[in-house]
Amino acid sequence: MNHKNINIILAYLLPTINTYKFELPELLINKYKLVSKISPGNPKPFLLGLYKDKSGKKFVAKIWEGRIKDINYYNLLRESKVLGVLNAVQKRIKLGKVSVPELADCLNQGNLVVVITKFAEGKRVSEIKSTKTQFEIYQKSREFLLRLSNSCTKAEMNAIGIKNGKDFLIQYPFILGKSLITYPGKWRELLKGGLNVMEGLPAFFTTHKYVFIHGDLHLSNILVSEKQVTILDFEQSVFSFPETETVTSLSSRLNPRKIKEKLSGSFTKSLEENPRAGILAIICSTHNLIEKVSIECLNSYTQTLILANKQLTK
């Protein structure tokens, strides 16, 4: 087991061992001056700040600084790689009015990572009142990501990274153990999920095509303006199983109930076609329970877990 995996597992099992810095620097890379803080309160694990360069152009800085290089450290490094690749793909082909932020700078220095992107105008889709409009923009974003996926070369896929069945299964025992510690009262659902994952192992090793997965596609991660739709936050992006995007969107606490209801149809269809969707839902829901969450989120994650278990044991 390499040093990266040891750090990640240690941070999963002992989250309080890490400490984060919560003050934004006034000056970044000697050319970006702080304008304002974007995320209020305690933004663990990332700081977000609005900056300007000497010419007055606006940028957004996402900063991780901690004691141990945990999963968030590696995810932010991944985001810089993903944006670099996707920016290159966007320049190569025309993809309409949906885009990803343009990477401006990246700093990786010791226990500090800074990713700087050009500022994107717009409001979050979560602020739109119409569920129909929200879902249309969400679907348009999914279609855009699929087109990006189909336009990536083999080298670009490898640069972003591929998460296969082995990767999921290596992490799962540690995620399951931590979730049982956090929510011992959910042991029935969690252990039943564990048994279903074990029984469904062959589904992870069947023939399939990997596609680009955002990994955290919810309405607050999509900006919309009169001219453009911009998808944000690519820390968890990777090439993986096609069902993964629906599963992660369905389990996200930041997607409202009405959006999840619309997504549940495609999730149920995926379950019927391939048990891998159910296994991914179990792993994702279990992961969401490694830390204390609100009652609403707890109920949502538990229901997804129960649904996946029920479908897999039919």
C-alpha atoms as a PDB file:
ATOM      1  CA  MET A   1       0.000   0.000   0.000  1.00  0.00           C
ATOM      2  CA  ASN A   2       1.477   3.368  -1.027  1.00  0.00           C
ATOM      3  CA  HIS A   3       1.827   6.512   1.070  1.00  0.00           C
ATOM      4  CA  LYS A   4      -1.154   8.178  -0.626  1.00  0.00           C
ATOM      5  CA  ASN A   5      -3.550   5.369   0.317  1.00  0.00           C
ATOM      6  CA  ILE A   6      -2.225   5.259   3.885  1.00  0.00           C
ATOM      7  CA  ASN A   7      -2.904   8.997   4.295  1.00  0.00           C
ATOM      8  CA  ILE A   8      -6.410   8.685   2.845  1.00  0.00           C
ATOM      9  CA  ILE A   9      -7.350   5.718   5.031  1.00  0.00           C
ATOM     10  CA  LEU A  10      -5.898   7.402   8.136  1.00  0.00           C
ATOM     11  CA  ALA A  11      -7.955  10.541   7.452  1.00  0.00           C
ATOM     12  CA  TYR A  12     -11.104   8.419   6.932  1.00  0.00           C
ATOM     13  CA  LEU A  13     -10.678   6.554  10.214  1.00  0.00           C
ATOM     14  CA  LEU A  14      -9.410   9.489  12.282  1.00  0.00           C
ATOM     15  CA  PRO A  15     -10.871  12.668  10.719  1.00  0.00           C
ATOM     16  CA  THR A  16     -10.027  14.851  13.723  1.00  0.00           C
ATOM     17  CA  ILE A  17      -6.307  14.180  13.260  1.00  0.00           C
ATOM     18  CA  ASN A  18      -6.230  16.668  10.400  1.00  0.00           C
ATOM     19  CA  THR A  19      -6.314  20.424  10.813  1.00  0.00           C
ATOM     20  CA  TYR A  20      -7.214  22.977   8.161  1.00  0.00           C
ATOM     21  CA  LYS A  21      -6.287  26.597   7.661  1.00  0.00           C
ATOM     22  CA  PHE A  22      -9.283  28.906   7.344  1.00  0.00           C
ATOM     23  CA  GLU A  23      -7.710  32.268   6.537  1.00  0.00           C
ATOM     24  CA  LEU A  24      -7.438  33.395   2.920  1.00  0.00           C
ATOM     25  CA  PRO A  25      -4.058  34.884   1.944  1.00  0.00           C
ATOM     26  CA  GLU A  26      -4.145  38.510   0.784  1.00  0.00           C
ATOM     27  CA  LEU A  27      -1.829  37.714  -2.140  1.00  0.00           C
ATOM     28  CA  LEU A  28      -1.506  34.504  -4.160  1.00  0.00           C
ATOM     29  CA  ILE A  29       1.449  33.561  -6.379  1.00  0.00           C
ATOM     30  CA  ASN A  30       2.515  37.231  -6.204  1.00  0.00           C
ATOM     31  CA  LYS A  31      -0.103  38.308  -8.752  1.00  0.00           C
ATOM     32  CA  TYR A  32      -3.631  37.651  -7.429  1.00  0.00           C
ATOM     33  CA  LYS A  33      -5.014  40.071  -4.821  1.00  0.00           C
ATOM     34  CA  LEU A  34      -7.873  39.058  -2.509  1.00  0.00           C
ATOM     35  CA  VAL A  35     -11.225  40.758  -3.124  1.00  0.00           C
ATOM     36  CA  SER A  36     -13.554  38.762  -0.904  1.00  0.00           C
ATOM     37  CA  LYS A  37     -14.275  35.389   0.654  1.00  0.00           C
ATOM     38  CA  ILE A  38     -16.782  33.316  -1.298  1.00  0.00           C
ATOM     39  CA  SER A  39     -17.752  30.620   1.198  1.00  0.00           C
ATOM     40  CA  PRO A  40     -19.014  31.888   4.573  1.00  0.00           C
ATOM     41  CA  GLY A  41     -18.334  30.208   7.910  1.00  0.00           C
ATOM     42  CA  ASN A  42     -16.176  27.106   8.216  1.00  0.00           C
ATOM     43  CA  PRO A  43     -15.556  25.971   4.607  1.00  0.00           C
ATOM     44  CA  LYS A  44     -13.834  22.665   5.466  1.00  0.00           C
ATOM     45  CA  PRO A  45     -12.027  21.278   3.583  1.00  0.00           C
ATOM     46  CA  PHE A  46     -11.558  24.082   1.007  1.00  0.00           C
ATOM     47  CA  LEU A  47     -11.267  27.843   1.143  1.00  0.00           C
ATOM     48  CA  LEU A  48     -12.837  29.779  -1.734  1.00  0.00           C
ATOM     49  CA  GLY A  49     -11.851  33.333  -2.509  1.00  0.00           C
ATOM     50  CA  LEU A  50     -12.479  35.913  -5.216  1.00  0.00           C
ATOM     51  CA  TYR A  51      -9.244  37.475  -6.471  1.00  0.00           C
ATOM     52  CA  LYS A  52      -8.152  40.002  -9.108  1.00  0.00           C
ATOM     53  CA  ASP A  53      -4.938  40.268 -11.061  1.00  0.00           C
ATOM     54  CA  LYS A  54      -3.145  43.546 -11.850  1.00  0.00           C
ATOM     55  CA  SER A  55      -5.305  44.126 -14.940  1.00  0.00           C
ATOM     56  CA  GLY A  56      -8.520  43.813 -12.898  1.00  0.00           C
ATOM     57  CA  LYS A  57      -9.605  40.413 -14.251  1.00  0.00           C
ATOM     58  CA  LYS A  58     -11.463  38.269 -11.728  1.00  0.00           C
ATOM     59  CA  PHE A  59     -10.435  34.782 -10.622  1.00  0.00           C
ATOM     60  CA  VAL A  60     -11.622  32.179  -8.146  1.00  0.00           C
ATOM     61  CA  ALA A  61      -9.059  30.478  -5.901  1.00  0.00           C
ATOM     62  CA  LYS A  62      -9.768  27.128  -4.254  1.00  0.00           C
ATOM     63  CA  ILE A  63      -7.298  26.381  -1.477  1.00  0.00           C
ATOM     64  CA  TRP A  64      -6.487  23.305   0.581  1.00  0.00           C
ATOM     65  CA  GLU A  65      -3.977  23.558   3.406  1.00  0.00           C
ATOM     66  CA  GLY A  66      -3.834  20.861   6.073  1.00  0.00           C
ATOM     67  CA  ARG A  67      -1.692  18.790   8.343  1.00  0.00           C
ATOM     68  CA  ILE A  68      -2.146  15.477   6.507  1.00  0.00           C
ATOM     69  CA  LYS A  69      -2.520  15.040   2.749  1.00  0.00           C
ATOM     70  CA  ASP A  70      -5.990  13.517   2.861  1.00  0.00           C
ATOM     71  CA  ILE A  71      -8.470  12.663   0.089  1.00  0.00           C
ATOM     72  CA  ASN A  72      -9.326  16.378  -0.303  1.00  0.00           C
ATOM     73  CA  TYR A  73      -5.682  17.236  -1.025  1.00  0.00           C
ATOM     74  CA  TYR A  74      -5.515  14.629  -3.788  1.00  0.00           C
ATOM     75  CA  ASN A  75      -8.956  15.577  -5.105  1.00  0.00           C
ATOM     76  CA  LEU A  76      -7.951  19.207  -5.532  1.00  0.00           C
ATOM     77  CA  LEU A  77      -4.813  18.157  -7.401  1.00  0.00           C
ATOM     78  CA  ARG A  78      -7.053  16.000  -9.575  1.00  0.00           C
ATOM     79  CA  GLU A  79      -9.306  18.977 -10.292  1.00  0.00           C
ATOM     80  CA  SER A  80      -6.370  20.935 -11.715  1.00  0.00           C
ATOM     81  CA  LYS A  81      -5.487  18.011 -14.013  1.00  0.00           C
ATOM     82  CA  VAL A  82      -9.114  17.509 -15.061  1.00  0.00           C
ATOM     83  CA  LEU A  83      -9.611  21.190 -15.892  1.00  0.00           C
ATOM     84  CA  GLY A  84      -6.377  21.258 -17.885  1.00  0.00           C
ATOM     85  CA  VAL A  85      -7.535  18.311 -19.991  1.00  0.00           C
ATOM     86  CA  LEU A  86     -11.122  19.534 -20.419  1.00  0.00           C
ATOM     87  CA  ASN A  87      -9.954  23.015 -21.398  1.00  0.00           C
ATOM     88  CA  ALA A  88      -7.833  21.442 -24.132  1.00  0.00           C
ATOM     89  CA  VAL A  89     -10.791  19.357 -25.356  1.00  0.00           C
ATOM     90  CA  GLN A  90     -13.055  22.432 -25.409  1.00  0.00           C
ATOM     91  CA  LYS A  91     -10.554  24.322 -27.573  1.00  0.00           C
ATOM     92  CA  ARG A  92     -10.349  21.369 -29.956  1.00  0.00           C
ATOM     93  CA  ILE A  93     -14.088  20.973 -30.546  1.00  0.00           C
ATOM     94  CA  LYS A  94     -17.181  23.174 -30.387  1.00  0.00           C
ATOM     95  CA  LEU A  95     -19.536  22.196 -27.576  1.00  0.00           C
ATOM     96  CA  GLY A  96     -22.167  24.933 -27.572  1.00  0.00           C
ATOM     97  CA  LYS A  97     -23.185  27.017 -24.577  1.00  0.00           C
ATOM     98  CA  VAL A  98     -22.027  24.712 -21.795  1.00  0.00           C
ATOM     99  CA  SER A  99     -18.470  24.918 -20.490  1.00  0.00           C
ATOM    100  CA  VAL A 100     -16.083  24.279 -17.624  1.00  0.00           C
ATOM    101  CA  PRO A 101     -13.994  26.968 -15.871  1.00  0.00           C
ATOM    102  CA  GLU A 102     -10.713  27.908 -17.491  1.00  0.00           C
ATOM    103  CA  LEU A 103      -7.694  26.925 -15.406  1.00  0.00           C
ATOM    104  CA  ALA A 104      -5.390  29.898 -14.823  1.00  0.00           C
ATOM    105  CA  ASP A 105      -2.848  28.641 -12.257  1.00  0.00           C
ATOM    106  CA  CYS A 106      -2.074  25.799  -9.904  1.00  0.00           C
ATOM    107  CA  LEU A 107       0.291  25.769  -6.924  1.00  0.00           C
ATOM    108  CA  ASN A 108       1.327  22.569  -5.161  1.00  0.00           C
ATOM    109  CA  GLN A 109       3.761  23.380  -2.378  1.00  0.00           C
ATOM    110  CA  GLY A 110       4.208  21.081   0.597  1.00  0.00           C
ATOM    111  CA  ASN A 111       0.879  20.810   2.409  1.00  0.00           C
ATOM    112  CA  LEU A 112      -0.675  23.578   0.327  1.00  0.00           C
ATOM    113  CA  VAL A 113      -2.621  23.282  -2.935  1.00  0.00           C
ATOM    114  CA  VAL A 114      -4.130  26.252  -4.771  1.00  0.00           C
ATOM    115  CA  VAL A 115      -6.223  25.964  -7.938  1.00  0.00           C
ATOM    116  CA  ILE A 116      -7.088  29.243  -9.654  1.00  0.00           C
ATOM    117  CA  THR A 117      -9.705  29.527 -12.396  1.00  0.00           C
ATOM    118  CA  LYS A 118     -11.124  32.432 -14.370  1.00  0.00           C
ATOM    119  CA  PHE A 119     -14.285  33.803 -12.780  1.00  0.00           C
ATOM    120  CA  ALA A 120     -17.528  32.532 -14.347  1.00  0.00           C
ATOM    121  CA  GLU A 121     -20.643  34.731 -14.339  1.00  0.00           C
ATOM    122  CA  GLY A 122     -24.048  33.369 -13.383  1.00  0.00           C
ATOM    123  CA  LYS A 123     -26.254  32.162 -10.568  1.00  0.00           C
ATOM    124  CA  ARG A 124     -26.492  28.663  -9.200  1.00  0.00           C
ATOM    125  CA  VAL A 125     -29.200  26.509 -10.753  1.00  0.00           C
ATOM    126  CA  SER A 126     -30.363  25.674  -7.217  1.00  0.00           C
ATOM    127  CA  GLU A 127     -31.601  29.289  -6.998  1.00  0.00           C
ATOM    128  CA  ILE A 128     -34.015  28.801  -9.914  1.00  0.00           C
ATOM    129  CA  LYS A 129     -37.571  28.129  -8.729  1.00  0.00           C
ATOM    130  CA  SER A 130     -38.772  25.995 -11.654  1.00  0.00           C
ATOM    131  CA  THR A 131     -37.990  22.290 -11.169  1.00  0.00           C
ATOM    132  CA  LYS A 132     -38.534  21.752 -14.897  1.00  0.00           C
ATOM    133  CA  THR A 133     -35.904  24.370 -15.788  1.00  0.00           C
ATOM    134  CA  GLN A 134     -33.517  22.987 -13.163  1.00  0.00           C
ATOM    135  CA  PHE A 135     -33.777  19.481 -14.554  1.00  0.00           C
ATOM    136  CA  GLU A 136     -33.408  20.675 -18.160  1.00  0.00           C
ATOM    137  CA  ILE A 137     -30.151  22.442 -17.277  1.00  0.00           C
ATOM    138  CA  TYR A 138     -28.980  19.405 -15.299  1.00  0.00           C
ATOM    139  CA  GLN A 139     -29.679  17.138 -18.291  1.00  0.00           C
ATOM    140  CA  LYS A 140     -27.961  19.569 -20.654  1.00  0.00           C
ATOM    141  CA  SER A 141     -24.911  19.469 -18.376  1.00  0.00           C
ATOM    142  CA  ARG A 142     -24.934  15.645 -18.419  1.00  0.00           C
ATOM    143  CA  GLU A 143     -25.108  15.626 -22.212  1.00  0.00           C
ATOM    144  CA  PHE A 144     -22.204  18.076 -22.390  1.00  0.00           C
ATOM    145  CA  LEU A 145     -20.069  15.907 -20.111  1.00  0.00           C
ATOM    146  CA  LEU A 146     -20.834  12.858 -22.240  1.00  0.00           C
ATOM    147  CA  ARG A 147     -19.746  14.714 -25.378  1.00  0.00           C
ATOM    148  CA  LEU A 148     -16.541  15.721 -23.608  1.00  0.00           C
ATOM    149  CA  SER A 149     -16.058  12.103 -22.616  1.00  0.00           C
ATOM    150  CA  ASN A 150     -16.441  10.875 -26.191  1.00  0.00           C
ATOM    151  CA  SER A 151     -13.970  13.519 -27.390  1.00  0.00           C
ATOM    152  CA  CYS A 152     -11.145  12.598 -25.007  1.00  0.00           C
ATOM    153  CA  THR A 153      -8.177  10.672 -26.346  1.00  0.00           C
ATOM    154  CA  LYS A 154      -6.769   7.631 -24.554  1.00  0.00           C
ATOM    155  CA  ALA A 155      -3.928   9.786 -23.220  1.00  0.00           C
ATOM    156  CA  GLU A 156      -6.412  12.346 -21.883  1.00  0.00           C
ATOM    157  CA  MET A 157      -8.437   9.607 -20.196  1.00  0.00           C
ATOM    158  CA  ASN A 158      -5.290   8.349 -18.478  1.00  0.00           C
ATOM    159  CA  ALA A 159      -4.328  11.891 -17.446  1.00  0.00           C
ATOM    160  CA  ILE A 160      -7.698  12.358 -15.711  1.00  0.00           C
ATOM    161  CA  GLY A 161      -7.624   8.842 -14.257  1.00  0.00           C
ATOM    162  CA  ILE A 162      -9.765   5.725 -14.403  1.00  0.00           C
ATOM    163  CA  LYS A 163     -11.596   4.334 -11.377  1.00  0.00           C
ATOM    164  CA  ASN A 164     -12.292   0.651 -11.890  1.00  0.00           C
ATOM    165  CA  GLY A 165     -13.918  -2.054  -9.797  1.00  0.00           C
ATOM    166  CA  LYS A 166     -10.692  -2.786  -7.946  1.00  0.00           C
ATOM    167  CA  ASP A 167     -10.416   0.841  -6.791  1.00  0.00           C
ATOM    168  CA  PHE A 168     -13.975   0.852  -5.436  1.00  0.00           C
ATOM    169  CA  LEU A 169     -13.497  -2.440  -3.633  1.00  0.00           C
ATOM    170  CA  ILE A 170     -10.174  -1.494  -2.003  1.00  0.00           C
ATOM    171  CA  GLN A 171     -11.745   1.596  -0.398  1.00  0.00           C
ATOM    172  CA  TYR A 172     -15.098   0.060   0.540  1.00  0.00           C
ATOM    173  CA  PRO A 173     -14.088  -1.982   3.662  1.00  0.00           C
ATOM    174  CA  PHE A 174     -12.601   1.137   5.279  1.00  0.00           C
ATOM    175  CA  ILE A 175     -15.654   3.226   4.348  1.00  0.00           C
ATOM    176  CA  LEU A 176     -17.981   0.547   5.751  1.00  0.00           C
ATOM    177  CA  GLY A 177     -15.991   0.319   8.994  1.00  0.00           C
ATOM    178  CA  LYS A 178     -16.034   4.090   9.521  1.00  0.00           C
ATOM    179  CA  SER A 179     -19.759   4.385   8.750  1.00  0.00           C
ATOM    180  CA  LEU A 180     -20.529   1.650  11.299  1.00  0.00           C
ATOM    181  CA  ILE A 181     -18.567   3.591  13.909  1.00  0.00           C
ATOM    182  CA  THR A 182     -20.367   6.842  13.034  1.00  0.00           C
ATOM    183  CA  TYR A 183     -23.852   5.317  12.798  1.00  0.00           C
ATOM    184  CA  PRO A 184     -23.946   2.047  14.761  1.00  0.00           C
ATOM    185  CA  GLY A 185     -27.761   2.229  14.755  1.00  0.00           C
ATOM    186  CA  LYS A 186     -27.718   1.663  10.984  1.00  0.00           C
ATOM    187  CA  TRP A 187     -25.779  -1.591  11.245  1.00  0.00           C
ATOM    188  CA  ARG A 188     -28.517  -3.700   9.627  1.00  0.00           C
ATOM    189  CA  GLU A 189     -28.705  -1.595   6.468  1.00  0.00           C
ATOM    190  CA  LEU A 190     -24.935  -1.166   6.285  1.00  0.00           C
ATOM    191  CA  LEU A 191     -24.053  -4.845   6.806  1.00  0.00           C
ATOM    192  CA  LYS A 192     -26.770  -5.966   4.406  1.00  0.00           C
ATOM    193  CA  GLY A 193     -25.205  -3.592   1.906  1.00  0.00           C
ATOM    194  CA  GLY A 194     -21.825  -5.169   2.588  1.00  0.00           C
ATOM    195  CA  LEU A 195     -23.192  -8.637   1.824  1.00  0.00           C
ATOM    196  CA  ASN A 196     -24.761  -7.390  -1.416  1.00  0.00           C
ATOM    197  CA  VAL A 197     -21.471  -5.805  -2.469  1.00  0.00           C
ATOM    198  CA  MET A 198     -19.645  -9.092  -1.880  1.00  0.00           C
ATOM    199  CA  GLU A 199     -22.267 -11.085  -3.808  1.00  0.00           C
ATOM    200  CA  GLY A 200     -22.217  -8.602  -6.679  1.00  0.00           C
ATOM    201  CA  LEU A 201     -18.446  -8.536  -7.181  1.00  0.00           C
ATOM    202  CA  PRO A 202     -18.595 -10.127 -10.675  1.00  0.00           C
ATOM    203  CA  ALA A 203     -20.544  -7.082 -11.945  1.00  0.00           C
ATOM    204  CA  PHE A 204     -17.420  -4.959 -11.421  1.00  0.00           C
ATOM    205  CA  PHE A 205     -15.363  -7.071 -13.772  1.00  0.00           C
ATOM    206  CA  THR A 206     -17.663  -7.469 -16.775  1.00  0.00           C
ATOM    207  CA  THR A 207     -16.983  -5.837 -20.140  1.00  0.00           C
ATOM    208  CA  HIS A 208     -17.920  -2.153 -20.163  1.00  0.00           C
ATOM    209  CA  LYS A 209     -16.955   1.270 -21.476  1.00  0.00           C
ATOM    210  CA  TYR A 210     -15.642   3.873 -19.058  1.00  0.00           C
ATOM    211  CA  VAL A 211     -17.122   7.373 -19.404  1.00  0.00           C
ATOM    212  CA  PHE A 212     -16.259  10.726 -17.861  1.00  0.00           C
ATOM    213  CA  ILE A 213     -17.925  11.141 -14.475  1.00  0.00           C
ATOM    214  CA  HIS A 214     -18.211  14.509 -12.741  1.00  0.00           C
ATOM    215  CA  GLY A 215     -18.787  12.747  -9.426  1.00  0.00           C
ATOM    216  CA  ASP A 216     -20.584  15.569  -7.614  1.00  0.00           C
ATOM    217  CA  LEU A 217     -23.082  16.932 -10.119  1.00  0.00           C
ATOM    218  CA  HIS A 218     -25.765  18.779  -8.179  1.00  0.00           C
ATOM    219  CA  LEU A 219     -27.656  22.008  -8.834  1.00  0.00           C
ATOM    220  CA  SER A 220     -25.317  24.149  -6.732  1.00  0.00           C
ATOM    221  CA  ASN A 221     -22.395  23.043  -8.888  1.00  0.00           C
ATOM    222  CA  ILE A 222     -23.934  24.443 -12.070  1.00  0.00           C
ATOM    223  CA  LEU A 223     -23.982  28.166 -12.889  1.00  0.00           C
ATOM    224  CA  VAL A 224     -26.311  29.662 -15.474  1.00  0.00           C
ATOM    225  CA  SER A 225     -26.252  33.091 -17.118  1.00  0.00           C
ATOM    226  CA  GLU A 226     -27.955  34.536 -20.197  1.00  0.00           C
ATOM    227  CA  LYS A 227     -25.088  33.362 -22.381  1.00  0.00           C
ATOM    228  CA  GLN A 228     -23.581  30.326 -20.683  1.00  0.00           C
ATOM    229  CA  VAL A 229     -23.952  27.288 -18.438  1.00  0.00           C
ATOM    230  CA  THR A 230     -20.811  26.556 -16.417  1.00  0.00           C
ATOM    231  CA  ILE A 231     -20.182  23.332 -14.502  1.00  0.00           C
ATOM    232  CA  LEU A 232     -18.070  23.709 -11.348  1.00  0.00           C
ATOM    233  CA  ASP A 233     -16.101  21.548  -8.892  1.00  0.00           C
ATOM    234  CA  PHE A 234     -14.284  18.694 -10.609  1.00  0.00           C
ATOM    235  CA  GLU A 235     -12.385  17.356  -7.569  1.00  0.00           C
ATOM    236  CA  GLN A 236     -14.082  13.960  -7.772  1.00  0.00           C
ATOM    237  CA  SER A 237     -14.054  13.646 -11.556  1.00  0.00           C
ATOM    238  CA  VAL A 238     -12.750  10.475 -13.125  1.00  0.00           C
ATOM    239  CA  PHE A 239     -13.467   8.000 -15.898  1.00  0.00           C
ATOM    240  CA  SER A 240     -15.563   5.179 -14.512  1.00  0.00           C
ATOM    241  CA  PHE A 241     -18.707   3.073 -14.918  1.00  0.00           C
ATOM    242  CA  PRO A 242     -21.587   4.797 -16.803  1.00  0.00           C
ATOM    243  CA  GLU A 243     -24.036   4.335 -13.902  1.00  0.00           C
ATOM    244  CA  THR A 244     -21.843   6.278 -11.486  1.00  0.00           C
ATOM    245  CA  GLU A 245     -23.075   9.773 -12.408  1.00  0.00           C
ATOM    246  CA  THR A 246     -26.730   8.962 -11.754  1.00  0.00           C
ATOM    247  CA  VAL A 247     -25.855   7.244  -8.480  1.00  0.00           C
ATOM    248  CA  THR A 248     -23.769  10.159  -7.146  1.00  0.00           C
ATOM    249  CA  SER A 249     -26.351  12.747  -8.241  1.00  0.00           C
ATOM    250  CA  LEU A 250     -29.146  10.742  -6.651  1.00  0.00           C
ATOM    251  CA  SER A 251     -27.281  10.451  -3.351  1.00  0.00           C
ATOM    252  CA  SER A 252     -26.158  14.090  -3.209  1.00  0.00           C
ATOM    253  CA  ARG A 253     -27.665  15.992  -0.285  1.00  0.00           C
ATOM    254  CA  LEU A 254     -27.586  19.149  -2.446  1.00  0.00           C
ATOM    255  CA  ASN A 255     -29.985  17.845  -5.088  1.00  0.00           C
ATOM    256  CA  PRO A 256     -33.598  18.562  -4.023  1.00  0.00           C
ATOM    257  CA  ARG A 257     -36.200  15.825  -3.638  1.00  0.00           C
ATOM    258  CA  LYS A 258     -38.031  16.670  -6.877  1.00  0.00           C
ATOM    259  CA  ILE A 259     -34.818  16.334  -8.903  1.00  0.00           C
ATOM    260  CA  LYS A 260     -34.053  13.023  -7.198  1.00  0.00           C
ATOM    261  CA  GLU A 261     -37.531  11.787  -8.077  1.00  0.00           C
ATOM    262  CA  LYS A 262     -36.796  12.486 -11.739  1.00  0.00           C
ATOM    263  CA  LEU A 263     -33.448  10.707 -11.448  1.00  0.00           C
ATOM    264  CA  SER A 264     -34.899   7.672  -9.687  1.00  0.00           C
ATOM    265  CA  GLY A 265     -36.439   6.403 -12.931  1.00  0.00           C
ATOM    266  CA  SER A 266     -33.089   6.069 -14.676  1.00  0.00           C
ATOM    267  CA  PHE A 267     -31.598   4.607 -11.492  1.00  0.00           C
ATOM    268  CA  THR A 268     -34.274   1.890 -11.321  1.00  0.00           C
ATOM    269  CA  LYS A 269     -33.749   1.135 -15.011  1.00  0.00           C
ATOM    270  CA  SER A 270     -29.986   0.819 -14.423  1.00  0.00           C
ATOM    271  CA  LEU A 271     -30.646  -1.564 -11.534  1.00  0.00           C
ATOM    272  CA  GLU A 272     -32.756  -3.760 -13.771  1.00  0.00           C
ATOM    273  CA  GLU A 273     -30.107  -3.825 -16.504  1.00  0.00           C
ATOM    274  CA  ASN A 274     -27.024  -4.251 -14.341  1.00  0.00           C
ATOM    275  CA  PRO A 275     -26.633  -4.944 -10.590  1.00  0.00           C
ATOM    276  CA  ARG A 276     -23.500  -2.782 -10.628  1.00  0.00           C
ATOM    277  CA  ALA A 277     -25.727   0.317 -10.278  1.00  0.00           C
ATOM    278  CA  GLY A 278     -27.077  -1.040  -6.982  1.00  0.00           C
ATOM    279  CA  ILE A 279     -23.611  -1.868  -5.698  1.00  0.00           C
ATOM    280  CA  LEU A 280     -22.374   1.613  -6.588  1.00  0.00           C
ATOM    281  CA  ALA A 281     -25.398   3.098  -4.774  1.00  0.00           C
ATOM    282  CA  ILE A 282     -24.556   1.074  -1.665  1.00  0.00           C
ATOM    283  CA  ILE A 283     -20.917   2.170  -1.737  1.00  0.00           C
ATOM    284  CA  CYS A 284     -21.861   5.817  -2.340  1.00  0.00           C
ATOM    285  CA  SER A 285     -24.523   5.881   0.402  1.00  0.00           C
ATOM    286  CA  THR A 286     -22.158   4.163   2.840  1.00  0.00           C
ATOM    287  CA  HIS A 287     -19.477   6.735   2.036  1.00  0.00           C
ATOM    288  CA  ASN A 288     -21.940   9.539   2.813  1.00  0.00           C
ATOM    289  CA  LEU A 289     -22.382   8.118   6.320  1.00  0.00           C
ATOM    290  CA  ILE A 290     -18.737   8.206   7.399  1.00  0.00           C
ATOM    291  CA  GLU A 291     -19.355  11.606   9.023  1.00  0.00           C
ATOM    292  CA  LYS A 292     -22.289  12.979  11.021  1.00  0.00           C
ATOM    293  CA  VAL A 293     -24.965  14.512   8.779  1.00  0.00           C
ATOM    294  CA  SER A 294     -28.343  16.193   9.277  1.00  0.00           C
ATOM    295  CA  ILE A 295     -31.431  14.090   9.988  1.00  0.00           C
ATOM    296  CA  GLU A 296     -32.748  14.909   6.505  1.00  0.00           C
ATOM    297  CA  CYS A 297     -29.516  13.720   4.863  1.00  0.00           C
ATOM    298  CA  LEU A 298     -29.360  10.652   7.094  1.00  0.00           C
ATOM    299  CA  ASN A 299     -32.868   9.648   6.043  1.00  0.00           C
ATOM    300  CA  SER A 300     -32.075  10.287   2.366  1.00  0.00           C
ATOM    301  CA  TYR A 301     -28.865   8.227   2.380  1.00  0.00           C
ATOM    302  CA  THR A 302     -30.548   5.441   4.347  1.00  0.00           C
ATOM    303  CA  GLN A 303     -33.464   5.284   1.903  1.00  0.00           C
ATOM    304  CA  THR A 304     -31.060   4.998  -1.049  1.00  0.00           C
ATOM    305  CA  LEU A 305     -29.269   2.211   0.807  1.00  0.00           C
ATOM    306  CA  ILE A 306     -32.539   0.398   1.521  1.00  0.00           C
ATOM    307  CA  LEU A 307     -33.713   0.776  -2.086  1.00  0.00           C
ATOM    308  CA  ALA A 308     -30.459  -0.613  -3.499  1.00  0.00           C
ATOM    309  CA  ASN A 309     -30.468  -3.520  -1.017  1.00  0.00           C
ATOM    310  CA  LYS A 310     -34.083  -4.304  -1.868  1.00  0.00           C
ATOM    311  CA  GLN A 311     -33.467  -4.325  -5.614  1.00  0.00           C
ATOM    312  CA  LEU A 312     -30.353  -6.495  -5.320  1.00  0.00           C
ATOM    313  CA  THR A 313     -32.071  -9.119  -3.170  1.00  0.00           C
ATOM    314  CA  LYS A 314     -35.112  -9.572  -5.431  1.00  0.00           C
END
